[in-house]
Amino acid sequence: MALARCMFQFHIVWMSKSLKRVRAALEALGALINIVETQLARTAADAAAAVGCEVDQIAKSIIFKGDVSNKVILFVTAGGNQVDPVKAAKVAGEPLGKADAALIRSQTGFAIGGVSPVGHLNPIQAFVDQRLIEFDEIWAAAGTPNHVFASSPSDMVSFFDGQLTEFTT
């Protein structure tokens, strides 16, 4: 038992700041925490293979920059879907542009490849692909390219006050 406690404490010490922030956000929301470490989850297909689910059960966090607001806008979409930029701009209420890595990091606290839908440094406007609510369980990035967490779709949407809407091709 002492060895197990020691190993757990060692793991916590080396946990990334981003992963800690996601874990803390989920705890604050009262969520059942199921964070899984994978070899690599940079793509939806990789993440789905790692956790044994369908590609569409992976909730991809796609970030755009509002051309008027200069703020990042989050689109959480099913793993097999693509964001349609015209539809996305319409639901966001402003033209959208590419968000570069520096803007994403400064406004969300996450690096590209590990952007979580929860635990952002700043409040974020978020839209959610309706395809995700068709599943009992979905998986999203937990702040690093090799950590994901499971959630029910309804909990996921409520975690970040996301708006269910149509913005995919």
C-alpha atoms as a PDB file:
ATOM      1  CA  MET A   1       0.000   0.000   0.000  1.00  0.00           C
ATOM      2  CA  ALA A   2       2.818   2.445   0.800  1.00  0.00           C
ATOM      3  CA  LEU A   3       4.412   1.737  -2.565  1.00  0.00           C
ATOM      4  CA  ALA A   4       1.137   2.417  -4.389  1.00  0.00           C
ATOM      5  CA  ARG A   5       0.670   5.706  -2.529  1.00  0.00           C
ATOM      6  CA  CYS A   6       4.224   6.700  -3.357  1.00  0.00           C
ATOM      7  CA  MET A   7       3.749   5.914  -7.061  1.00  0.00           C
ATOM      8  CA  PHE A   8       0.498   7.923  -7.162  1.00  0.00           C
ATOM      9  CA  GLN A   9       2.166  10.948  -5.592  1.00  0.00           C
ATOM     10  CA  PHE A  10       5.027  10.716  -8.095  1.00  0.00           C
ATOM     11  CA  HIS A  11       2.519  10.688 -10.968  1.00  0.00           C
ATOM     12  CA  ILE A  12       0.780  13.809  -9.626  1.00  0.00           C
ATOM     13  CA  VAL A  13       4.090  15.684  -9.358  1.00  0.00           C
ATOM     14  CA  TRP A  14       4.829  15.074 -13.043  1.00  0.00           C
ATOM     15  CA  MET A  15       1.296  15.763 -14.335  1.00  0.00           C
ATOM     16  CA  SER A  16       1.288  18.640 -16.854  1.00  0.00           C
ATOM     17  CA  LYS A  17      -0.260  21.969 -15.891  1.00  0.00           C
ATOM     18  CA  SER A  18      -2.846  21.556 -18.644  1.00  0.00           C
ATOM     19  CA  LEU A  19      -3.868  18.101 -17.464  1.00  0.00           C
ATOM     20  CA  LYS A  20      -4.078  19.357 -13.870  1.00  0.00           C
ATOM     21  CA  ARG A  21      -6.299  22.239 -14.998  1.00  0.00           C
ATOM     22  CA  VAL A  22      -8.659  19.867 -16.847  1.00  0.00           C
ATOM     23  CA  ARG A  23      -8.812  17.506 -13.863  1.00  0.00           C
ATOM     24  CA  ALA A  24      -9.511  20.448 -11.515  1.00  0.00           C
ATOM     25  CA  ALA A  25     -12.213  21.805 -13.847  1.00  0.00           C
ATOM     26  CA  LEU A  26     -13.921  18.411 -14.029  1.00  0.00           C
ATOM     27  CA  GLU A  27     -13.727  18.034 -10.232  1.00  0.00           C
ATOM     28  CA  ALA A  28     -15.209  21.525  -9.752  1.00  0.00           C
ATOM     29  CA  LEU A  29     -18.067  20.574 -12.062  1.00  0.00           C
ATOM     30  CA  GLY A  30     -18.740  17.450  -9.998  1.00  0.00           C
ATOM     31  CA  ALA A  31     -17.946  15.216 -12.960  1.00  0.00           C
ATOM     32  CA  LEU A  32     -17.022  11.575 -12.664  1.00  0.00           C
ATOM     33  CA  ILE A  33     -13.395  11.731 -13.742  1.00  0.00           C
ATOM     34  CA  ASN A  34     -12.225   9.127 -16.199  1.00  0.00           C
ATOM     35  CA  ILE A  35      -8.997  10.461 -17.723  1.00  0.00           C
ATOM     36  CA  VAL A  36      -7.103   7.923 -19.801  1.00  0.00           C
ATOM     37  CA  GLU A  37      -3.507   8.180 -20.954  1.00  0.00           C
ATOM     38  CA  THR A  38      -2.956   7.064 -24.542  1.00  0.00           C
ATOM     39  CA  GLN A  39       0.177   6.633 -26.619  1.00  0.00           C
ATOM     40  CA  LEU A  40      -1.022   9.425 -28.865  1.00  0.00           C
ATOM     41  CA  ALA A  41      -4.426  10.969 -29.466  1.00  0.00           C
ATOM     42  CA  ARG A  42      -3.616  13.801 -31.888  1.00  0.00           C
ATOM     43  CA  THR A  43      -6.214  12.543 -34.372  1.00  0.00           C
ATOM     44  CA  ALA A  44      -9.751  11.360 -33.777  1.00  0.00           C
ATOM     45  CA  ALA A  45      -8.876   7.988 -35.310  1.00  0.00           C
ATOM     46  CA  ASP A  46      -5.897   7.578 -32.942  1.00  0.00           C
ATOM     47  CA  ALA A  47      -7.989   8.521 -29.921  1.00  0.00           C
ATOM     48  CA  ALA A  48     -10.851   6.208 -30.922  1.00  0.00           C
ATOM     49  CA  ALA A  49      -8.453   3.287 -31.394  1.00  0.00           C
ATOM     50  CA  ALA A  50      -6.839   4.008 -28.033  1.00  0.00           C
ATOM     51  CA  VAL A  51     -10.094   3.932 -26.052  1.00  0.00           C
ATOM     52  CA  GLY A  52     -12.015   1.448 -28.206  1.00  0.00           C
ATOM     53  CA  CYS A  53     -14.857   3.605 -29.473  1.00  0.00           C
ATOM     54  CA  GLU A  54     -16.232   4.863 -32.781  1.00  0.00           C
ATOM     55  CA  VAL A  55     -14.445   7.818 -34.386  1.00  0.00           C
ATOM     56  CA  ASP A  56     -17.585   9.954 -34.017  1.00  0.00           C
ATOM     57  CA  GLN A  57     -17.495   9.430 -30.237  1.00  0.00           C
ATOM     58  CA  ILE A  58     -14.360  11.559 -30.150  1.00  0.00           C
ATOM     59  CA  ALA A  59     -15.247  15.181 -29.424  1.00  0.00           C
ATOM     60  CA  LYS A  60     -12.722  17.213 -31.427  1.00  0.00           C
ATOM     61  CA  SER A  61     -12.016  20.755 -30.220  1.00  0.00           C
ATOM     62  CA  ILE A  62     -11.625  22.985 -33.264  1.00  0.00           C
ATOM     63  CA  ILE A  63     -10.647  26.589 -32.587  1.00  0.00           C
ATOM     64  CA  PHE A  64     -11.252  29.581 -34.864  1.00  0.00           C
ATOM     65  CA  LYS A  65     -10.529  33.257 -34.270  1.00  0.00           C
ATOM     66  CA  GLY A  66     -13.406  35.695 -34.444  1.00  0.00           C
ATOM     67  CA  ASP A  67     -12.313  38.327 -36.965  1.00  0.00           C
ATOM     68  CA  VAL A  68     -14.324  41.024 -35.173  1.00  0.00           C
ATOM     69  CA  SER A  69     -13.895  40.002 -31.512  1.00  0.00           C
ATOM     70  CA  ASN A  70     -10.307  38.683 -31.869  1.00  0.00           C
ATOM     71  CA  LYS A  71     -11.316  35.961 -29.423  1.00  0.00           C
ATOM     72  CA  VAL A  72     -11.055  32.239 -29.933  1.00  0.00           C
ATOM     73  CA  ILE A  73     -14.297  30.380 -30.594  1.00  0.00           C
ATOM     74  CA  LEU A  74     -14.598  26.669 -29.864  1.00  0.00           C
ATOM     75  CA  PHE A  75     -16.395  24.207 -32.121  1.00  0.00           C
ATOM     76  CA  VAL A  76     -16.668  20.717 -30.595  1.00  0.00           C
ATOM     77  CA  THR A  77     -17.420  18.249 -33.342  1.00  0.00           C
ATOM     78  CA  ALA A  78     -17.759  14.497 -33.765  1.00  0.00           C
ATOM     79  CA  GLY A  79     -14.479  12.912 -34.820  1.00  0.00           C
ATOM     80  CA  GLY A  80     -15.570  12.042 -38.337  1.00  0.00           C
ATOM     81  CA  ASN A  81     -17.122  15.425 -39.094  1.00  0.00           C
ATOM     82  CA  GLN A  82     -15.546  18.563 -40.533  1.00  0.00           C
ATOM     83  CA  VAL A  83     -16.420  22.124 -39.535  1.00  0.00           C
ATOM     84  CA  ASP A  84     -17.968  24.035 -42.427  1.00  0.00           C
ATOM     85  CA  PRO A  85     -16.424  27.533 -42.177  1.00  0.00           C
ATOM     86  CA  VAL A  86     -19.473  29.262 -43.695  1.00  0.00           C
ATOM     87  CA  LYS A  87     -21.923  27.561 -41.310  1.00  0.00           C
ATOM     88  CA  ALA A  88     -19.532  28.123 -38.378  1.00  0.00           C
ATOM     89  CA  ALA A  89     -19.288  31.857 -39.111  1.00  0.00           C
ATOM     90  CA  LYS A  90     -23.067  32.081 -39.289  1.00  0.00           C
ATOM     91  CA  VAL A  91     -23.598  30.454 -35.881  1.00  0.00           C
ATOM     92  CA  ALA A  92     -20.722  32.468 -34.344  1.00  0.00           C
ATOM     93  CA  GLY A  93     -22.247  35.699 -35.615  1.00  0.00           C
ATOM     94  CA  GLU A  94     -18.996  36.994 -37.103  1.00  0.00           C
ATOM     95  CA  PRO A  95     -16.467  36.152 -39.801  1.00  0.00           C
ATOM     96  CA  LEU A  96     -13.955  33.541 -38.670  1.00  0.00           C
ATOM     97  CA  GLY A  97     -10.269  33.222 -39.361  1.00  0.00           C
ATOM     98  CA  LYS A  98      -7.463  30.888 -38.476  1.00  0.00           C
ATOM     99  CA  ALA A  99      -6.402  30.951 -34.840  1.00  0.00           C
ATOM    100  CA  ASP A 100      -2.649  30.589 -34.576  1.00  0.00           C
ATOM    101  CA  ALA A 101      -0.913  28.543 -31.902  1.00  0.00           C
ATOM    102  CA  ALA A 102       0.052  31.602 -29.834  1.00  0.00           C
ATOM    103  CA  LEU A 103      -3.527  32.932 -29.710  1.00  0.00           C
ATOM    104  CA  ILE A 104      -4.916  29.508 -28.829  1.00  0.00           C
ATOM    105  CA  ARG A 105      -2.347  29.060 -26.052  1.00  0.00           C
ATOM    106  CA  SER A 106      -2.874  32.575 -24.636  1.00  0.00           C
ATOM    107  CA  GLN A 107      -6.677  32.393 -24.563  1.00  0.00           C
ATOM    108  CA  THR A 108      -7.252  28.727 -23.707  1.00  0.00           C
ATOM    109  CA  GLY A 109      -4.023  27.685 -21.989  1.00  0.00           C
ATOM    110  CA  PHE A 110      -3.724  24.648 -24.256  1.00  0.00           C
ATOM    111  CA  ALA A 111      -1.373  23.753 -27.068  1.00  0.00           C
ATOM    112  CA  ILE A 112      -2.747  22.660 -30.423  1.00  0.00           C
ATOM    113  CA  GLY A 113      -3.300  18.900 -30.329  1.00  0.00           C
ATOM    114  CA  GLY A 114      -4.453  18.846 -26.716  1.00  0.00           C
ATOM    115  CA  VAL A 115      -7.170  21.522 -26.550  1.00  0.00           C
ATOM    116  CA  SER A 116      -9.775  20.367 -24.075  1.00  0.00           C
ATOM    117  CA  PRO A 117     -13.362  21.609 -24.096  1.00  0.00           C
ATOM    118  CA  VAL A 118     -12.997  22.302 -20.336  1.00  0.00           C
ATOM    119  CA  GLY A 119     -10.390  24.013 -18.181  1.00  0.00           C
ATOM    120  CA  HIS A 120      -9.772  27.061 -20.368  1.00  0.00           C
ATOM    121  CA  LEU A 121      -7.922  30.043 -18.917  1.00  0.00           C
ATOM    122  CA  ASN A 122     -10.710  32.357 -20.088  1.00  0.00           C
ATOM    123  CA  PRO A 123     -14.429  31.915 -20.746  1.00  0.00           C
ATOM    124  CA  ILE A 124     -14.996  30.779 -24.313  1.00  0.00           C
ATOM    125  CA  GLN A 125     -17.911  30.827 -26.719  1.00  0.00           C
ATOM    126  CA  ALA A 126     -18.583  27.217 -27.684  1.00  0.00           C
ATOM    127  CA  PHE A 127     -20.734  25.368 -30.192  1.00  0.00           C
ATOM    128  CA  VAL A 128     -21.364  21.615 -30.167  1.00  0.00           C
ATOM    129  CA  ASP A 129     -21.989  19.259 -33.090  1.00  0.00           C
ATOM    130  CA  GLN A 130     -25.411  17.626 -32.732  1.00  0.00           C
ATOM    131  CA  ARG A 131     -23.932  14.297 -33.862  1.00  0.00           C
ATOM    132  CA  LEU A 132     -22.259  13.929 -30.450  1.00  0.00           C
ATOM    133  CA  ILE A 133     -25.558  13.661 -28.562  1.00  0.00           C
ATOM    134  CA  GLU A 134     -26.373  10.420 -30.372  1.00  0.00           C
ATOM    135  CA  PHE A 135     -23.958   8.504 -28.113  1.00  0.00           C
ATOM    136  CA  ASP A 136     -24.097   7.411 -24.474  1.00  0.00           C
ATOM    137  CA  GLU A 137     -20.424   8.253 -23.995  1.00  0.00           C
ATOM    138  CA  ILE A 138     -18.023  10.572 -25.784  1.00  0.00           C
ATOM    139  CA  TRP A 139     -14.305  11.274 -25.321  1.00  0.00           C
ATOM    140  CA  ALA A 140     -12.434  14.576 -25.473  1.00  0.00           C
ATOM    141  CA  ALA A 141      -8.871  15.821 -25.103  1.00  0.00           C
ATOM    142  CA  ALA A 142      -7.809  16.297 -21.496  1.00  0.00           C
ATOM    143  CA  GLY A 143      -5.235  19.034 -22.097  1.00  0.00           C
ATOM    144  CA  THR A 144      -2.433  17.032 -23.713  1.00  0.00           C
ATOM    145  CA  PRO A 145      -2.016  15.137 -26.987  1.00  0.00           C
ATOM    146  CA  ASN A 146      -2.010  11.832 -25.073  1.00  0.00           C
ATOM    147  CA  HIS A 147      -4.799  12.201 -22.507  1.00  0.00           C
ATOM    148  CA  VAL A 148      -8.551  11.957 -23.065  1.00  0.00           C
ATOM    149  CA  PHE A 149     -11.555  11.900 -20.759  1.00  0.00           C
ATOM    150  CA  ALA A 150     -14.974  10.304 -21.024  1.00  0.00           C
ATOM    151  CA  SER A 151     -18.281  12.025 -20.437  1.00  0.00           C
ATOM    152  CA  SER A 152     -21.924  11.802 -21.354  1.00  0.00           C
ATOM    153  CA  PRO A 153     -22.771  14.216 -24.176  1.00  0.00           C
ATOM    154  CA  SER A 154     -25.241  16.160 -22.023  1.00  0.00           C
ATOM    155  CA  ASP A 155     -22.648  16.623 -19.282  1.00  0.00           C
ATOM    156  CA  MET A 156     -20.046  17.683 -21.833  1.00  0.00           C
ATOM    157  CA  VAL A 157     -22.333  20.363 -23.258  1.00  0.00           C
ATOM    158  CA  SER A 158     -23.202  21.648 -19.787  1.00  0.00           C
ATOM    159  CA  PHE A 159     -19.529  21.729 -18.696  1.00  0.00           C
ATOM    160  CA  PHE A 160     -18.767  24.653 -20.972  1.00  0.00           C
ATOM    161  CA  ASP A 161     -22.255  26.010 -21.678  1.00  0.00           C
ATOM    162  CA  GLY A 162     -22.039  24.875 -25.291  1.00  0.00           C
ATOM    163  CA  GLN A 163     -24.755  25.566 -27.804  1.00  0.00           C
ATOM    164  CA  LEU A 164     -25.956  22.539 -29.789  1.00  0.00           C
ATOM    165  CA  THR A 165     -26.141  23.593 -33.413  1.00  0.00           C
ATOM    166  CA  GLU A 166     -25.391  22.621 -37.023  1.00  0.00           C
ATOM    167  CA  PHE A 167     -22.007  23.725 -38.381  1.00  0.00           C
ATOM    168  CA  THR A 168     -20.542  20.657 -40.095  1.00  0.00           C
ATOM    169  CA  THR A 169     -20.245  19.624 -43.732  1.00  0.00           C
END
